[in-house]
Protein backbone atom coordinates (compact mmCIF):
# COMPACT_ATOMS: atom_id res chain seq x y z
CA UNK A 1 -0.08 -0.11 0.06
CA UNK A 2 1.24 3.35 -1.06
CA UNK A 3 2.41 6.39 1.46
CA UNK A 4 0.56 9.05 0.53
CA UNK A 5 1.30 11.17 3.20
CA UNK A 6 3.27 14.66 2.74
CA UNK A 7 7.45 14.68 2.42
CA UNK A 8 9.30 14.05 5.35
CA UNK A 9 12.67 14.67 7.83
CA UNK A 10 14.27 12.23 9.21
CA UNK A 11 16.99 12.84 11.93
CA UNK A 12 20.53 10.95 11.34
CA UNK A 13 23.35 11.48 13.37
CA UNK A 14 25.59 13.82 13.49
CA UNK A 15 23.02 16.30 12.67
CA UNK A 16 21.92 14.70 9.41
CA UNK A 17 19.05 15.21 8.24
CA UNK A 18 17.15 13.08 5.39
CA UNK A 19 13.87 14.84 3.12
CA UNK A 20 11.79 11.89 1.73
CA UNK A 21 9.52 12.43 -0.96
CA UNK A 22 6.08 10.48 -1.60
CA UNK A 23 8.29 9.77 -4.79
CA UNK A 24 10.85 7.88 -3.04
CA UNK A 25 13.40 10.67 -3.68
CA UNK A 26 15.83 11.37 -0.54
CA UNK A 27 17.93 14.77 0.19
CA UNK A 28 19.65 14.61 2.38
CA UNK A 29 20.87 18.04 4.25
CA UNK A 30 22.46 19.44 7.50
CA UNK A 31 20.58 21.62 9.53
CA UNK A 32 23.59 23.80 10.66
CA UNK A 33 24.65 24.01 7.79
CA UNK A 34 21.54 25.27 5.85
CA UNK A 35 21.21 27.63 9.13
CA UNK A 36 25.26 28.71 8.39
CA UNK A 37 24.24 29.63 4.59
CA UNK A 38 21.00 31.37 5.11
CA UNK A 39 22.89 33.30 8.14
CA UNK A 40 25.08 34.32 5.44
CA UNK A 41 23.33 35.35 2.54
CA UNK A 42 21.22 37.69 5.37
CA UNK A 43 24.27 39.05 6.15
CA UNK A 44 25.26 39.79 2.76
CA UNK A 45 22.13 41.60 1.96
CA UNK A 46 21.70 43.43 5.48
CA UNK A 47 25.23 44.70 3.89
CA UNK A 48 24.28 45.33 0.58
CA UNK A 49 21.40 47.94 1.76
CA UNK A 50 23.89 49.21 4.31
CA UNK A 51 26.34 49.73 0.83
CA UNK A 52 23.65 50.77 -0.68
CA UNK A 53 22.32 54.06 1.54
CA UNK A 54 25.70 54.62 2.56
CA UNK A 55 27.82 57.72 0.70
CA UNK A 56 27.61 61.70 0.32
CA UNK A 57 24.03 61.30 -0.37
CA UNK A 58 23.14 58.54 2.35
CA UNK A 59 19.86 56.96 2.56
CA UNK A 60 17.81 55.07 5.33
CA UNK A 61 17.70 51.44 4.81
CA UNK A 62 13.40 52.19 4.84
CA UNK A 63 14.38 54.66 1.33
CA UNK A 64 16.38 51.85 0.25
CA UNK A 65 13.63 49.63 0.29
CA UNK A 66 10.78 52.22 -0.85
CA UNK A 67 13.52 53.20 -3.86
CA UNK A 68 13.46 49.10 -5.49
CA UNK A 69 10.38 48.98 -4.98
CA UNK A 70 9.57 52.06 -7.48
CA UNK A 71 8.49 54.23 -5.13
CA UNK A 72 11.50 56.17 -4.38
CA UNK A 73 12.03 60.28 -5.37
CA UNK A 74 13.61 60.33 -8.44
CA UNK A 75 17.03 61.79 -7.19
CA UNK A 76 16.87 58.42 -5.01
CA UNK A 77 16.25 56.22 -8.06
CA UNK A 78 19.42 57.59 -9.85
CA UNK A 79 21.29 57.03 -7.45
CA UNK A 80 20.09 53.86 -6.25
CA UNK A 81 19.09 52.30 -9.45
CA UNK A 82 21.86 53.62 -12.01
CA UNK A 83 25.18 54.09 -9.26
CA UNK A 84 24.92 51.85 -6.47
CA UNK A 85 23.00 49.14 -7.04
CA UNK A 86 24.81 48.12 -9.98
CA UNK A 87 27.86 48.08 -8.01
CA UNK A 88 26.38 46.07 -5.28
CA UNK A 89 24.83 43.37 -7.13
CA UNK A 90 28.27 43.62 -8.83
CA UNK A 91 30.67 42.63 -5.22
CA UNK A 92 27.02 39.89 -4.85
CA UNK A 93 27.75 38.10 -7.56
CA UNK A 94 31.82 37.80 -8.05
CA UNK A 95 32.13 37.53 -4.22
CA UNK A 96 29.93 34.25 -4.24
CA UNK A 97 31.09 32.94 -7.40
CA UNK A 98 34.85 33.30 -6.92
CA UNK A 99 33.77 31.43 -3.25
CA UNK A 100 32.04 28.68 -5.49
CA UNK A 101 35.06 28.09 -7.30
CA UNK A 102 36.99 28.11 -4.30
CA UNK A 103 34.54 25.41 -2.75
CA UNK A 104 35.55 22.94 -5.87
CA UNK A 105 38.98 23.68 -6.00
CA UNK A 106 39.68 22.65 -2.72
CA UNK A 107 37.68 20.30 -2.83
CA UNK A 108 38.61 18.31 -6.24
CA UNK A 109 42.12 18.80 -5.12
CA UNK A 110 41.76 17.88 -1.43
CA UNK A 111 44.10 20.91 -0.79
CA UNK A 112 42.91 23.32 1.59
CA UNK A 113 44.79 26.49 -0.54
CA UNK A 114 43.68 25.36 -3.46
CA UNK A 115 42.15 28.36 -5.55
CA UNK A 116 42.04 30.08 -8.33
CA UNK A 117 44.62 32.66 -6.98
CA UNK A 118 46.97 29.82 -5.87
CA UNK A 119 46.16 27.25 -9.45
CA UNK A 120 46.48 29.76 -11.96
CA UNK A 121 43.78 30.42 -13.24
CA UNK A 122 43.19 34.03 -12.06
CA UNK A 123 46.74 34.62 -13.80
CA UNK A 124 45.29 33.56 -16.92
CA UNK A 125 42.26 35.63 -16.52
CA UNK A 126 44.73 38.71 -16.47
CA UNK A 127 46.92 38.18 -19.32
CA UNK A 128 43.94 37.49 -21.23
CA UNK A 129 42.82 40.85 -20.51
CA UNK A 130 45.89 42.91 -20.35
CA UNK A 131 46.44 41.33 -23.80
CA UNK A 132 43.74 42.80 -24.65
CA UNK A 133 44.15 46.21 -23.31
CA UNK A 134 48.08 46.26 -24.53
CA UNK A 135 48.24 44.01 -27.46
CA UNK A 136 44.42 45.19 -29.15
CA UNK A 137 43.94 48.26 -27.49
CA UNK A 138 40.21 47.63 -26.96
CA UNK A 139 38.20 49.18 -24.51
CA UNK A 140 35.75 47.18 -21.01
CA UNK A 141 34.12 45.00 -23.43
CA UNK A 142 37.49 43.86 -25.28
CA UNK A 143 39.01 43.58 -21.24
CA UNK A 144 36.21 41.41 -20.41
CA UNK A 145 36.33 39.41 -23.29
CA UNK A 146 39.59 38.71 -22.92
CA UNK A 147 39.86 38.13 -18.99
CA UNK A 148 37.39 34.81 -20.07
CA UNK A 149 39.64 33.64 -22.97
CA UNK A 150 42.41 34.11 -21.04
CA UNK A 151 41.06 32.31 -17.91
CA UNK A 152 39.11 29.41 -20.44
CA UNK A 153 42.57 28.78 -21.90
CA UNK A 154 44.35 28.50 -18.65
CA UNK A 155 42.40 25.74 -17.48
CA UNK A 156 42.45 24.08 -20.56
CA UNK A 157 46.07 23.50 -20.77
CA UNK A 158 46.50 22.78 -16.66
CA UNK A 159 43.87 20.46 -17.32
CA UNK A 160 45.97 19.34 -20.59
CA UNK A 161 49.35 19.18 -18.61
CA UNK A 162 48.11 17.31 -15.17
CA UNK A 163 46.12 14.94 -17.19
CA UNK A 164 48.36 11.59 -16.59
CA UNK A 165 45.63 8.61 -16.57
CA UNK A 166 43.48 10.77 -14.79
CA UNK A 167 44.31 13.92 -12.75
CA UNK A 168 45.37 13.91 -9.79
CA UNK A 169 44.94 16.99 -7.42
CA UNK A 170 48.94 17.02 -6.20
CA UNK A 171 49.40 16.90 -9.68
CA UNK A 172 47.10 19.83 -10.40
CA UNK A 173 48.39 21.89 -7.88
CA UNK A 174 52.32 21.76 -8.38
CA UNK A 175 51.40 22.30 -12.17
CA UNK A 176 49.18 24.93 -11.91
CA UNK A 177 51.51 26.88 -9.16
CA UNK A 178 54.06 26.09 -12.24
CA UNK A 179 51.57 28.05 -14.67
CA UNK A 180 50.69 30.85 -12.18
CA UNK A 181 54.60 31.88 -11.74
CA UNK A 182 55.18 31.14 -16.00
CA UNK A 183 51.98 33.82 -16.11
CA UNK A 184 53.16 36.54 -13.78
CA UNK A 185 55.80 36.85 -15.71
CA UNK A 186 54.00 37.15 -19.06
CA UNK A 187 52.25 39.94 -16.82
CA UNK A 188 55.06 41.79 -16.14
CA UNK A 189 56.14 42.03 -19.78
CA UNK A 190 52.61 43.05 -20.91
CA UNK A 191 52.66 46.09 -18.51
CA UNK A 192 56.19 46.96 -20.03
CA UNK A 193 54.82 46.97 -23.35
CA UNK A 194 51.86 49.36 -22.47
CA UNK A 195 50.94 53.47 -22.56
CA UNK A 196 50.86 54.78 -19.51
CA UNK A 197 47.78 55.25 -19.65
CA UNK A 198 46.96 51.58 -20.94
CA UNK A 199 49.09 50.49 -17.88
CA UNK A 200 47.21 52.61 -14.94
CA UNK A 201 44.06 51.42 -15.92
CA UNK A 202 45.76 47.74 -16.26
CA UNK A 203 47.11 47.61 -13.05
CA UNK A 204 43.72 48.87 -11.45
CA UNK A 205 42.04 45.87 -12.42
CA UNK A 206 44.76 43.51 -12.04
CA UNK A 207 44.25 45.10 -8.04
CA UNK A 208 40.61 44.06 -8.24
CA UNK A 209 38.23 46.85 -8.21
CA UNK A 210 34.41 47.86 -8.60
CA UNK A 211 34.90 51.40 -9.52
CA UNK A 212 32.45 52.20 -12.06
CA UNK A 213 30.76 49.44 -11.80
CA UNK A 214 27.18 49.39 -14.08
CA UNK A 215 24.82 46.34 -15.11
CA UNK A 216 27.26 45.53 -18.33
CA UNK A 217 29.86 43.91 -15.68
CA UNK A 218 27.02 42.35 -13.65
CA UNK A 219 24.43 40.96 -16.19
CA UNK A 220 26.92 38.95 -17.84
CA UNK A 221 28.25 37.43 -14.46
CA UNK A 222 24.51 36.74 -13.60
CA UNK A 223 23.49 34.39 -16.34
CA UNK A 224 26.79 32.54 -16.38
CA UNK A 225 25.17 32.10 -12.33
CA UNK A 226 22.34 31.20 -13.30
CA UNK A 227 23.32 28.35 -15.43
CA UNK A 228 26.28 26.92 -13.51
CA UNK A 229 25.12 27.28 -10.00
CA UNK A 230 22.13 24.91 -10.18
CA UNK A 231 24.34 22.54 -11.94
CA UNK A 232 26.75 22.60 -9.40
CA UNK A 233 24.79 22.22 -6.29
CA UNK A 234 22.33 20.04 -7.80
CA UNK A 235 23.86 17.69 -10.47
CA UNK A 236 27.81 17.38 -9.57
CA UNK A 237 27.36 18.60 -5.80
CA UNK A 238 26.50 15.18 -4.21
CA UNK A 239 29.51 13.68 -6.68
CA UNK A 240 32.10 15.98 -5.46
CA UNK A 241 30.71 15.01 -1.99
CA UNK A 242 32.02 11.27 -2.72
CA UNK A 243 35.40 11.84 -5.16
CA UNK A 244 36.77 13.88 -1.50
CA UNK A 245 36.88 10.53 0.25
CA UNK A 246 38.84 9.65 -3.04
CA UNK A 247 39.25 8.45 -6.03
CA UNK A 248 38.74 4.80 -5.64
CA UNK A 249 35.73 5.09 -3.02
CA UNK A 250 34.32 7.29 -5.65
CA UNK A 251 34.17 4.68 -8.22
CA UNK A 252 33.41 1.85 -5.34
CA UNK A 253 29.23 4.36 -5.52
CA UNK A 254 29.31 4.57 -9.23
CA UNK A 255 30.82 7.99 -9.88
CA UNK A 256 32.10 8.91 -12.96
CA UNK A 257 34.81 10.57 -11.55
CA UNK A 258 37.14 11.97 -14.58
CA UNK A 259 33.33 13.07 -16.16
CA UNK A 260 32.52 14.51 -12.99
CA UNK A 261 35.91 16.07 -11.98
CA UNK A 262 36.26 17.63 -15.50
CA UNK A 263 32.65 19.35 -15.43
CA UNK A 264 33.43 20.77 -11.76
CA UNK A 265 36.77 21.73 -12.93
CA UNK A 266 35.04 23.38 -16.35
CA UNK A 267 32.45 25.20 -13.99
CA UNK A 268 34.60 26.60 -11.27
CA UNK A 269 36.76 28.41 -14.44
CA UNK A 270 33.73 29.57 -15.85
CA UNK A 271 33.05 31.11 -12.30
CA UNK A 272 36.50 32.89 -11.87
CA UNK A 273 36.94 33.77 -15.59
CA UNK A 274 33.61 35.66 -15.35
CA UNK A 275 34.54 36.85 -11.86
CA UNK A 276 37.63 38.21 -13.33
CA UNK A 277 35.53 39.88 -16.04
CA UNK A 278 33.41 41.38 -13.85
CA UNK A 279 35.42 43.04 -11.04
CA UNK A 280 39.48 41.74 -11.93
CA UNK A 281 41.14 38.76 -10.43
CA UNK A 282 40.25 39.80 -6.70
CA UNK A 283 42.17 38.03 -4.71
CA UNK A 284 42.15 35.65 -1.29
CA UNK A 285 38.23 35.66 -1.42
CA UNK A 286 37.86 32.27 -3.43
CA UNK A 287 40.42 30.85 -0.83
CA UNK A 288 39.06 32.31 2.33
CA UNK A 289 35.21 32.48 1.73
CA UNK A 290 35.30 28.36 2.18
CA UNK A 291 37.77 27.94 4.87
CA UNK A 292 35.45 30.32 6.80
CA UNK A 293 32.20 28.57 5.56
CA UNK A 294 33.56 24.93 7.05
CA UNK A 295 34.28 26.33 10.48
CA UNK A 296 30.85 27.66 10.87
CA UNK A 297 29.51 24.52 9.32
CA UNK A 298 31.50 21.93 11.46
CA UNK A 299 30.93 19.80 8.43
CA UNK A 300 32.51 18.10 6.23
CA UNK A 301 32.32 18.28 2.40
CA UNK A 302 32.65 21.16 0.10
CA UNK A 303 29.92 23.00 2.00
CA UNK A 304 29.51 24.55 -1.69
CA UNK A 305 26.03 26.40 -0.61
CA UNK A 306 27.20 28.30 2.45
CA UNK A 307 30.62 29.24 0.61
CA UNK A 308 28.81 30.79 -2.07
CA UNK A 309 27.14 33.10 0.60
CA UNK A 310 30.03 33.87 2.58
CA UNK A 311 32.08 34.95 -0.37
CA UNK A 312 29.11 36.93 -1.32
CA UNK A 313 28.99 38.77 2.29
CA UNK A 314 33.16 39.08 1.93
CA UNK A 315 33.46 41.02 -0.69
CA UNK A 316 30.50 43.51 -0.32
CA UNK A 317 31.64 43.95 2.92
CA UNK A 318 35.25 44.51 2.04
CA UNK A 319 34.34 46.69 -0.36
CA UNK A 320 31.82 48.70 1.92
CA UNK A 321 35.72 49.37 3.78
CA UNK A 322 37.20 50.02 0.78
CA UNK A 323 34.42 52.99 0.52
CA UNK A 324 34.26 53.66 3.98
CA UNK A 325 37.48 53.17 5.77
CA UNK A 326 39.81 56.00 4.34
CA UNK A 327 37.64 59.22 4.45
CA UNK A 328 38.35 60.99 1.01
CA UNK A 329 39.23 58.55 -0.28
CA UNK A 330 38.40 55.08 -1.84
CA UNK A 331 40.80 51.78 -2.16
CA UNK A 332 40.40 49.32 -4.94
CA UNK A 333 38.59 46.39 -3.14
CA UNK A 334 41.43 43.89 -4.16
CA UNK A 335 43.15 45.71 -1.53
CA UNK A 336 41.20 44.82 1.12
CA UNK A 337 40.86 41.32 0.66
CA UNK A 338 44.52 41.55 0.02
CA UNK A 339 44.91 42.81 3.65
CA UNK A 340 42.19 40.73 5.27
CA UNK A 341 42.91 37.47 3.25
CA UNK A 342 46.74 37.63 3.09
CA UNK A 343 46.16 37.43 7.51
CA UNK A 344 44.14 34.58 7.17
CA UNK A 345 46.51 32.35 5.06
CA UNK A 346 49.06 33.35 7.19
CA UNK A 347 46.67 32.00 10.54
CA UNK A 348 45.78 29.06 8.58
CA UNK A 349 49.42 27.83 7.94
CA UNK A 350 49.76 28.72 11.16
CA UNK A 351 47.49 26.80 13.11
CA UNK A 352 48.05 23.80 9.79
CA UNK A 353 51.90 23.71 11.23
CA UNK A 354 50.94 23.77 14.79
CA UNK A 355 48.78 20.72 14.53
CA UNK A 356 50.96 19.04 12.76
CA UNK A 357 50.20 19.17 9.38
CA UNK A 358 52.65 20.51 7.66
């Protein structure tokens, strides 16, 4: 006799719950991880409202919400809709994309230091952007296209060099570090070939900046994330958890290891490349956000959704600090993330050494 009752949640050991549907589908989740992700998402939205309302033309949260609902004054609508909202949306999307890419890389290589910054993908996006600016002399559209092309080509190159009867995480890290060193030298050479105005614009972009961000920066990244985020979370997320246990265990559980790993790496490279196209190669968000999310959830596995929300909260916070920390002077957001992320990296290495892991 079939059971016609609605979905039921069954608690499992170690804080895991299983949602069983009438059709027999089981969805496993961890309440603490879900709560941490929801908390980070709410924090990101609250900080976004604060950032939209801050500035030389201050707005209260109530005015921000009224303006977003279409009930604001004409001046408020211009300030919010054309000046501040595109920048905040770009910050949220860029932070989320970088954090999700970092969580995928760290899970695939099984190394907490795995991120686009260290593995060379960010440097590849920078090489493509610099080539577009210095050699072609294009504008913002050419810079964004060059960043996407450079990151994608670099990802394909690293994957091809790391392939040897499959891709091993340790080999991928070593080859990525080597490619990153080479591309850093190439980027320095391209800067020496640039005119002074082009070099100044390129250096600002290389630092990571949200200044002047408009809807043309946010919408392409939003379109890419609308496709890749559901694919990554729903289609590849469960398999990624199994991959963290090792290739042999994943094979035994029926995972097509190389196919899943390739799909995940393609998604991560595209996310990092389009994020760089939107705001430049913002440093350390992809490295720190997944680690902070894991410490909040206290759960094993990639923690993709909490990492995504954490990255959005981190970058919108860093951008608010970049605009408000120094009176009369705005910093590129990459400076703030670099200082904070570098400090976190030193702390992470120190704790890993104290624990005897390095």
